[in-house]
C-alpha cells in the first residue's frame, strides 16, 4: 500500500482500532467482531503473543478491513509484520533505522512523535503520516491544532487517551484519524471471549464518534 493510499484510507475511516489481546485466538475473534461492528482500519500489536499468526488469518478473511501492526520497536519486527501481510507499521516512537527499514520494505510507517522537532525530523526522513502519542495527555485537540499551526502539511493520527465523543474535535483540529483501543475492545469482553460485547462496543463507539456504520 502506498503512503498516499494509507492517508486516504485513514481520512475516510476516521478511527483506527488498536487491539491488544492475550493470545492469537482472542485477537482473531475480537477483530472479526469489531469488523462486524463497522471498523475499517485495525492495528494489531506486538504486545499480543503470536500477533503475526493472527495477522495472517485476518488478512485472508477481512477483505474490507485494512490491517496493520503496531508497537513495532525494531527492524526485525517490521520485517516479521510485513512478511505476514501488514498494510502499515506503527511505533510509539521515532526510530530512524525502523523508518528506513519500512521504506526498504515499501510499507507505510507511522512513527510516534510529540514535539515539533520530532515531527519535522520524521518528515525529513520520509514519514508521510505521524502518530501523535500520547495525544490526550499532551493537550488533546488543542495540541493537534497548535502543532499544525506552523506545520499545516502534517498528516497526523492521534492516539492515547482519546474518547469516542472527542473524535470530531480531533478531526476538526486536523487529525486524519484517531486511534481507539479499550472503547472498541473492552478488556473484560476480550478476556472473557464475549465477542457480541466487542461488536456492540465498536458499533456504539463509532456511532458516538459520528462515523457512518
C-alpha atoms as a PDB file:
ATOM      1  CA  UNK A   1       0.000   0.000   0.000  1.00  0.00           C
ATOM      2  CA  UNK A   2       1.382   3.410  -0.976  1.00  0.00           C
ATOM      3  CA  UNK A   3       1.640   6.027   1.758  1.00  0.00           C
ATOM      4  CA  UNK A   4      -0.793   8.332  -0.064  1.00  0.00           C
ATOM      5  CA  UNK A   5      -3.284   5.487  -0.233  1.00  0.00           C
ATOM      6  CA  UNK A   6      -2.984   4.969   3.513  1.00  0.00           C
ATOM      7  CA  UNK A   7      -3.559   8.675   4.062  1.00  0.00           C
ATOM      8  CA  UNK A   8      -6.795   8.475   2.118  1.00  0.00           C
ATOM      9  CA  UNK A   9      -7.813   5.297   3.952  1.00  0.00           C
ATOM     10  CA  UNK A  10      -7.269   6.897   7.344  1.00  0.00           C
ATOM     11  CA  UNK A  11      -9.142  10.043   6.397  1.00  0.00           C
ATOM     12  CA  UNK A  12     -12.108   8.008   5.183  1.00  0.00           C
ATOM     13  CA  UNK A  13     -12.161   5.680   8.190  1.00  0.00           C
ATOM     14  CA  UNK A  14     -11.678   8.301  10.901  1.00  0.00           C
ATOM     15  CA  UNK A  15     -10.838   5.660  13.512  1.00  0.00           C
ATOM     16  CA  UNK A  16      -8.111   3.049  13.809  1.00  0.00           C
ATOM     17  CA  UNK A  17      -8.934   0.237  16.215  1.00  0.00           C
ATOM     18  CA  UNK A  18      -5.910  -0.635  18.370  1.00  0.00           C
ATOM     19  CA  UNK A  19      -6.247  -4.226  19.522  1.00  0.00           C
ATOM     20  CA  UNK A  20      -4.206  -5.733  22.341  1.00  0.00           C
ATOM     21  CA  UNK A  21      -5.219  -9.325  23.059  1.00  0.00           C
ATOM     22  CA  UNK A  22      -3.951 -12.100  25.343  1.00  0.00           C
ATOM     23  CA  UNK A  23      -3.471 -14.602  22.510  1.00  0.00           C
ATOM     24  CA  UNK A  24      -3.992 -15.286  18.816  1.00  0.00           C
ATOM     25  CA  UNK A  25      -7.473 -16.753  19.185  1.00  0.00           C
ATOM     26  CA  UNK A  26      -8.731 -13.747  21.136  1.00  0.00           C
ATOM     27  CA  UNK A  27      -7.170 -11.347  18.649  1.00  0.00           C
ATOM     28  CA  UNK A  28      -8.819 -13.058  15.677  1.00  0.00           C
ATOM     29  CA  UNK A  29     -12.266 -13.249  17.282  1.00  0.00           C
ATOM     30  CA  UNK A  30     -12.101  -9.675  18.601  1.00  0.00           C
ATOM     31  CA  UNK A  31     -11.056  -8.361  15.188  1.00  0.00           C
ATOM     32  CA  UNK A  32     -13.885 -10.220  13.471  1.00  0.00           C
ATOM     33  CA  UNK A  33     -16.363  -8.772  15.976  1.00  0.00           C
ATOM     34  CA  UNK A  34     -15.071  -5.226  15.501  1.00  0.00           C
ATOM     35  CA  UNK A  35     -15.316  -5.607  11.732  1.00  0.00           C
ATOM     36  CA  UNK A  36     -18.948  -6.663  12.128  1.00  0.00           C
ATOM     37  CA  UNK A  37     -19.413  -3.546  14.233  1.00  0.00           C
ATOM     38  CA  UNK A  38     -18.167  -1.326  11.414  1.00  0.00           C
ATOM     39  CA  UNK A  39     -14.410  -0.966  11.993  1.00  0.00           C
ATOM     40  CA  UNK A  40     -12.470  -0.445   8.764  1.00  0.00           C
ATOM     41  CA  UNK A  41      -8.857   0.013   9.906  1.00  0.00           C
ATOM     42  CA  UNK A  42      -7.276  -2.263  12.502  1.00  0.00           C
ATOM     43  CA  UNK A  43      -3.925  -2.078  14.255  1.00  0.00           C
ATOM     44  CA  UNK A  44      -2.823  -5.333  15.831  1.00  0.00           C
ATOM     45  CA  UNK A  45       0.092  -5.000  18.242  1.00  0.00           C
ATOM     46  CA  UNK A  46       3.288  -6.827  19.074  1.00  0.00           C
ATOM     47  CA  UNK A  47       2.128  -6.919  22.698  1.00  0.00           C
ATOM     48  CA  UNK A  48      -0.200  -9.718  21.527  1.00  0.00           C
ATOM     49  CA  UNK A  49       1.609 -13.083  21.613  1.00  0.00           C
ATOM     50  CA  UNK A  50       1.658 -14.601  18.133  1.00  0.00           C
ATOM     51  CA  UNK A  51       0.439 -11.405  16.530  1.00  0.00           C
ATOM     52  CA  UNK A  52       1.702 -12.309  13.056  1.00  0.00           C
ATOM     53  CA  UNK A  53      -0.270 -15.566  13.114  1.00  0.00           C
ATOM     54  CA  UNK A  54      -3.386 -13.537  13.873  1.00  0.00           C
ATOM     55  CA  UNK A  55      -2.486 -11.137  11.086  1.00  0.00           C
ATOM     56  CA  UNK A  56      -2.201 -13.911   8.504  1.00  0.00           C
ATOM     57  CA  UNK A  57      -5.625 -15.229   9.427  1.00  0.00           C
ATOM     58  CA  UNK A  58      -7.281 -11.823   9.388  1.00  0.00           C
ATOM     59  CA  UNK A  59      -5.679 -10.671   6.148  1.00  0.00           C
ATOM     60  CA  UNK A  60      -7.227 -13.708   4.469  1.00  0.00           C
ATOM     61  CA  UNK A  61     -10.668 -13.122   5.995  1.00  0.00           C
ATOM     62  CA  UNK A  62     -11.288  -9.392   6.405  1.00  0.00           C
ATOM     63  CA  UNK A  63     -11.146  -8.130   2.846  1.00  0.00           C
ATOM     64  CA  UNK A  64     -12.862  -4.863   3.748  1.00  0.00           C
ATOM     65  CA  UNK A  65     -10.531  -4.029   6.639  1.00  0.00           C
ATOM     66  CA  UNK A  66      -7.041  -2.533   6.341  1.00  0.00           C
ATOM     67  CA  UNK A  67      -4.869  -4.363   8.878  1.00  0.00           C
ATOM     68  CA  UNK A  68      -1.515  -3.125  10.148  1.00  0.00           C
ATOM     69  CA  UNK A  69       0.725  -3.832  13.111  1.00  0.00           C
ATOM     70  CA  UNK A  70       1.713  -1.509  15.925  1.00  0.00           C
ATOM     71  CA  UNK A  71       4.117  -1.415  18.857  1.00  0.00           C
ATOM     72  CA  UNK A  72       6.814  -2.197  16.292  1.00  0.00           C
ATOM     73  CA  UNK A  73      10.059  -1.495  18.118  1.00  0.00           C
ATOM     74  CA  UNK A  74      12.775  -2.640  15.728  1.00  0.00           C
ATOM     75  CA  UNK A  75      13.564  -3.585  12.145  1.00  0.00           C
ATOM     76  CA  UNK A  76      13.263  -7.323  12.805  1.00  0.00           C
ATOM     77  CA  UNK A  77       9.668  -6.876  13.969  1.00  0.00           C
ATOM     78  CA  UNK A  78       8.973  -4.712  10.924  1.00  0.00           C
ATOM     79  CA  UNK A  79      10.165  -7.480   8.606  1.00  0.00           C
ATOM     80  CA  UNK A  80       8.150 -10.084  10.511  1.00  0.00           C
ATOM     81  CA  UNK A  81       4.987  -7.975  10.281  1.00  0.00           C
ATOM     82  CA  UNK A  82       5.396  -7.234   6.584  1.00  0.00           C
ATOM     83  CA  UNK A  83       6.109 -10.890   5.814  1.00  0.00           C
ATOM     84  CA  UNK A  84       2.770 -11.683   7.477  1.00  0.00           C
ATOM     85  CA  UNK A  85       0.969  -9.107   5.341  1.00  0.00           C
ATOM     86  CA  UNK A  86       0.885  -5.896   7.396  1.00  0.00           C
ATOM     87  CA  UNK A  87      -0.506  -2.988   5.367  1.00  0.00           C
ATOM     88  CA  UNK A  88       1.211  -0.445   7.620  1.00  0.00           C
ATOM     89  CA  UNK A  89       3.501  -0.262  10.643  1.00  0.00           C
ATOM     90  CA  UNK A  90       3.145   1.881  13.767  1.00  0.00           C
ATOM     91  CA  UNK A  91       5.501   2.521  16.662  1.00  0.00           C
ATOM     92  CA  UNK A  92       5.214   4.591  19.837  1.00  0.00           C
ATOM     93  CA  UNK A  93       8.472   6.377  18.998  1.00  0.00           C
ATOM     94  CA  UNK A  94      10.525   7.793  16.128  1.00  0.00           C
ATOM     95  CA  UNK A  95      13.212   5.345  15.048  1.00  0.00           C
ATOM     96  CA  UNK A  96      15.490   6.221  12.133  1.00  0.00           C
ATOM     97  CA  UNK A  97      16.510   2.622  11.433  1.00  0.00           C
ATOM     98  CA  UNK A  98      12.928   1.398  11.614  1.00  0.00           C
ATOM     99  CA  UNK A  99      11.778   4.118   9.250  1.00  0.00           C
ATOM    100  CA  UNK A 100      14.475   3.249   6.731  1.00  0.00           C
ATOM    101  CA  UNK A 101      13.606  -0.458   7.002  1.00  0.00           C
ATOM    102  CA  UNK A 102       9.943   0.315   6.331  1.00  0.00           C
ATOM    103  CA  UNK A 103      10.940   2.329   3.272  1.00  0.00           C
ATOM    104  CA  UNK A 104      13.018  -0.594   2.036  1.00  0.00           C
ATOM    105  CA  UNK A 105      10.061  -2.907   2.594  1.00  0.00           C
ATOM    106  CA  UNK A 106       7.741  -0.496   0.804  1.00  0.00           C
ATOM    107  CA  UNK A 107       5.221  -0.258   3.650  1.00  0.00           C
ATOM    108  CA  UNK A 108       3.986   2.957   5.314  1.00  0.00           C
ATOM    109  CA  UNK A 109       5.438   3.568   8.776  1.00  0.00           C
ATOM    110  CA  UNK A 110       3.733   5.836  11.308  1.00  0.00           C
ATOM    111  CA  UNK A 111       6.339   6.851  13.897  1.00  0.00           C
ATOM    112  CA  UNK A 112       5.242   8.154  17.262  1.00  0.00           C
ATOM    113  CA  UNK A 113       6.045  11.840  17.715  1.00  0.00           C
ATOM    114  CA  UNK A 114       5.129  14.514  20.246  1.00  0.00           C
ATOM    115  CA  UNK A 115       7.272  17.615  19.714  1.00  0.00           C
ATOM    116  CA  UNK A 116       7.589  19.897  16.696  1.00  0.00           C
ATOM    117  CA  UNK A 117      11.233  18.857  16.385  1.00  0.00           C
ATOM    118  CA  UNK A 118      10.261  15.184  16.182  1.00  0.00           C
ATOM    119  CA  UNK A 119       7.540  15.958  13.659  1.00  0.00           C
ATOM    120  CA  UNK A 120       9.888  17.886  11.392  1.00  0.00           C
ATOM    121  CA  UNK A 121      12.630  15.252  11.645  1.00  0.00           C
ATOM    122  CA  UNK A 122      10.180  12.437  10.856  1.00  0.00           C
ATOM    123  CA  UNK A 123       9.071  14.326   7.765  1.00  0.00           C
ATOM    124  CA  UNK A 124      12.650  14.937   6.688  1.00  0.00           C
ATOM    125  CA  UNK A 125      13.286  11.196   6.968  1.00  0.00           C
ATOM    126  CA  UNK A 126      10.328  10.487   4.702  1.00  0.00           C
ATOM    127  CA  UNK A 127       7.446   9.608   7.036  1.00  0.00           C
ATOM    128  CA  UNK A 128       4.147  10.637   5.465  1.00  0.00           C
ATOM    129  CA  UNK A 129       1.773  10.059   8.396  1.00  0.00           C
ATOM    130  CA  UNK A 130       2.763  10.635  12.018  1.00  0.00           C
ATOM    131  CA  UNK A 131       1.268   9.185  15.184  1.00  0.00           C
ATOM    132  CA  UNK A 132       0.832  11.814  17.904  1.00  0.00           C
ATOM    133  CA  UNK A 133       1.271   9.918  21.154  1.00  0.00           C
ATOM    134  CA  UNK A 134       0.114  10.295  23.869  1.00  0.00           C
ATOM    135  CA  UNK A 135      -2.398  12.685  22.393  1.00  0.00           C
ATOM    136  CA  UNK A 136      -4.818  13.278  25.262  1.00  0.00           C
ATOM    137  CA  UNK A 137      -2.275  13.969  27.981  1.00  0.00           C
ATOM    138  CA  UNK A 138      -0.323  16.207  25.579  1.00  0.00           C
ATOM    139  CA  UNK A 139      -3.303  18.538  25.265  1.00  0.00           C
ATOM    140  CA  UNK A 140      -5.897  16.819  23.113  1.00  0.00           C
ATOM    141  CA  UNK A 141      -7.403  18.520  20.052  1.00  0.00           C
ATOM    142  CA  UNK A 142      -5.867  21.850  21.068  1.00  0.00           C
ATOM    143  CA  UNK A 143      -2.409  20.335  20.888  1.00  0.00           C
ATOM    144  CA  UNK A 144      -3.107  18.934  17.411  1.00  0.00           C
ATOM    145  CA  UNK A 145      -4.321  22.348  16.266  1.00  0.00           C
ATOM    146  CA  UNK A 146      -1.299  24.125  17.756  1.00  0.00           C
ATOM    147  CA  UNK A 147       1.142  21.616  16.249  1.00  0.00           C
ATOM    148  CA  UNK A 148      -0.360  22.063  12.800  1.00  0.00           C
ATOM    149  CA  UNK A 149      -0.326  25.860  13.110  1.00  0.00           C
ATOM    150  CA  UNK A 150       3.282  26.259  11.945  1.00  0.00           C
ATOM    151  CA  UNK A 151       3.263  22.820  10.289  1.00  0.00           C
ATOM    152  CA  UNK A 152      -0.033  22.662   8.353  1.00  0.00           C
ATOM    153  CA  UNK A 153       1.282  19.998   5.988  1.00  0.00           C
ATOM    154  CA  UNK A 154       1.392  17.343   8.717  1.00  0.00           C
ATOM    155  CA  UNK A 155      -0.753  14.225   8.358  1.00  0.00           C
ATOM    156  CA  UNK A 156      -1.486  13.064  11.893  1.00  0.00           C
ATOM    157  CA  UNK A 157      -3.133  10.183  13.695  1.00  0.00           C
ATOM    158  CA  UNK A 158      -3.900  10.979  17.330  1.00  0.00           C
ATOM    159  CA  UNK A 159      -3.597   8.069  19.753  1.00  0.00           C
ATOM    160  CA  UNK A 160      -3.558   7.692  23.508  1.00  0.00           C
ATOM    161  CA  UNK A 161      -6.424   8.510  25.848  1.00  0.00           C
ATOM    162  CA  UNK A 162      -8.847   9.591  23.121  1.00  0.00           C
ATOM    163  CA  UNK A 163     -12.542   9.007  23.830  1.00  0.00           C
ATOM    164  CA  UNK A 164     -15.102   8.358  21.097  1.00  0.00           C
ATOM    165  CA  UNK A 165     -17.065  11.568  21.597  1.00  0.00           C
ATOM    166  CA  UNK A 166     -13.835  13.549  21.142  1.00  0.00           C
ATOM    167  CA  UNK A 167     -13.168  12.178  17.653  1.00  0.00           C
ATOM    168  CA  UNK A 168     -14.963  15.019  15.810  1.00  0.00           C
ATOM    169  CA  UNK A 169     -12.919  17.606  17.724  1.00  0.00           C
ATOM    170  CA  UNK A 170      -9.638  15.850  16.879  1.00  0.00           C
ATOM    171  CA  UNK A 171     -10.586  15.663  13.227  1.00  0.00           C
ATOM    172  CA  UNK A 172     -11.700  19.290  13.187  1.00  0.00           C
ATOM    173  CA  UNK A 173      -8.290  20.157  14.659  1.00  0.00           C
ATOM    174  CA  UNK A 174      -6.607  18.484  11.699  1.00  0.00           C
ATOM    175  CA  UNK A 175      -6.101  14.823  12.604  1.00  0.00           C
ATOM    176  CA  UNK A 176      -6.722  12.383   9.764  1.00  0.00           C
ATOM    177  CA  UNK A 177      -7.906   9.773  12.233  1.00  0.00           C
ATOM    178  CA  UNK A 178      -7.670   8.761  15.863  1.00  0.00           C
ATOM    179  CA  UNK A 179      -6.648   5.507  17.473  1.00  0.00           C
ATOM    180  CA  UNK A 180      -9.186   3.939  19.839  1.00  0.00           C
ATOM    181  CA  UNK A 181      -8.453   0.887  21.953  1.00  0.00           C
ATOM    182  CA  UNK A 182     -10.467  -0.051  25.011  1.00  0.00           C
ATOM    183  CA  UNK A 183     -13.602   1.708  23.822  1.00  0.00           C
ATOM    184  CA  UNK A 184     -13.763  -0.699  20.881  1.00  0.00           C
ATOM    185  CA  UNK A 185     -12.210  -3.676  22.639  1.00  0.00           C
ATOM    186  CA  UNK A 186     -13.288  -3.646  26.316  1.00  0.00           C
ATOM    187  CA  UNK A 187     -10.647  -5.578  28.264  1.00  0.00           C
ATOM    188  CA  UNK A 188     -13.161  -7.716  30.150  1.00  0.00           C
ATOM    189  CA  UNK A 189     -15.025  -8.654  26.967  1.00  0.00           C
ATOM    190  CA  UNK A 190     -11.807  -9.640  25.194  1.00  0.00           C
ATOM    191  CA  UNK A 191     -10.608 -11.600  28.218  1.00  0.00           C
ATOM    192  CA  UNK A 192     -13.937 -13.405  28.623  1.00  0.00           C
ATOM    193  CA  UNK A 193     -14.459 -14.053  24.927  1.00  0.00           C
ATOM    194  CA  UNK A 194     -17.648 -12.007  24.786  1.00  0.00           C
ATOM    195  CA  UNK A 195     -17.485 -11.169  21.098  1.00  0.00           C
ATOM    196  CA  UNK A 196     -21.038  -9.857  20.952  1.00  0.00           C
ATOM    197  CA  UNK A 197     -19.978  -7.255  23.518  1.00  0.00           C
ATOM    198  CA  UNK A 198     -16.982  -6.277  21.385  1.00  0.00           C
ATOM    199  CA  UNK A 199     -19.195  -5.868  18.331  1.00  0.00           C
ATOM    200  CA  UNK A 200     -21.678  -3.775  20.312  1.00  0.00           C
ATOM    201  CA  UNK A 201     -18.906  -1.642  21.846  1.00  0.00           C
ATOM    202  CA  UNK A 202     -17.371  -0.983  18.431  1.00  0.00           C
ATOM    203  CA  UNK A 203     -20.705  -0.046  16.918  1.00  0.00           C
ATOM    204  CA  UNK A 204     -21.510   2.267  19.836  1.00  0.00           C
ATOM    205  CA  UNK A 205     -18.076   3.930  19.777  1.00  0.00           C
ATOM    206  CA  UNK A 206     -18.182   4.593  16.041  1.00  0.00           C
ATOM    207  CA  UNK A 207     -21.684   5.993  16.345  1.00  0.00           C
ATOM    208  CA  UNK A 208     -20.565   8.239  19.217  1.00  0.00           C
ATOM    209  CA  UNK A 209     -17.622   9.360  17.074  1.00  0.00           C
ATOM    210  CA  UNK A 210     -20.088  10.477  14.417  1.00  0.00           C
ATOM    211  CA  UNK A 211     -18.846   7.995  11.825  1.00  0.00           C
ATOM    212  CA  UNK A 212     -21.022   6.064   9.364  1.00  0.00           C
ATOM    213  CA  UNK A 213     -21.505   2.365  10.094  1.00  0.00           C
END
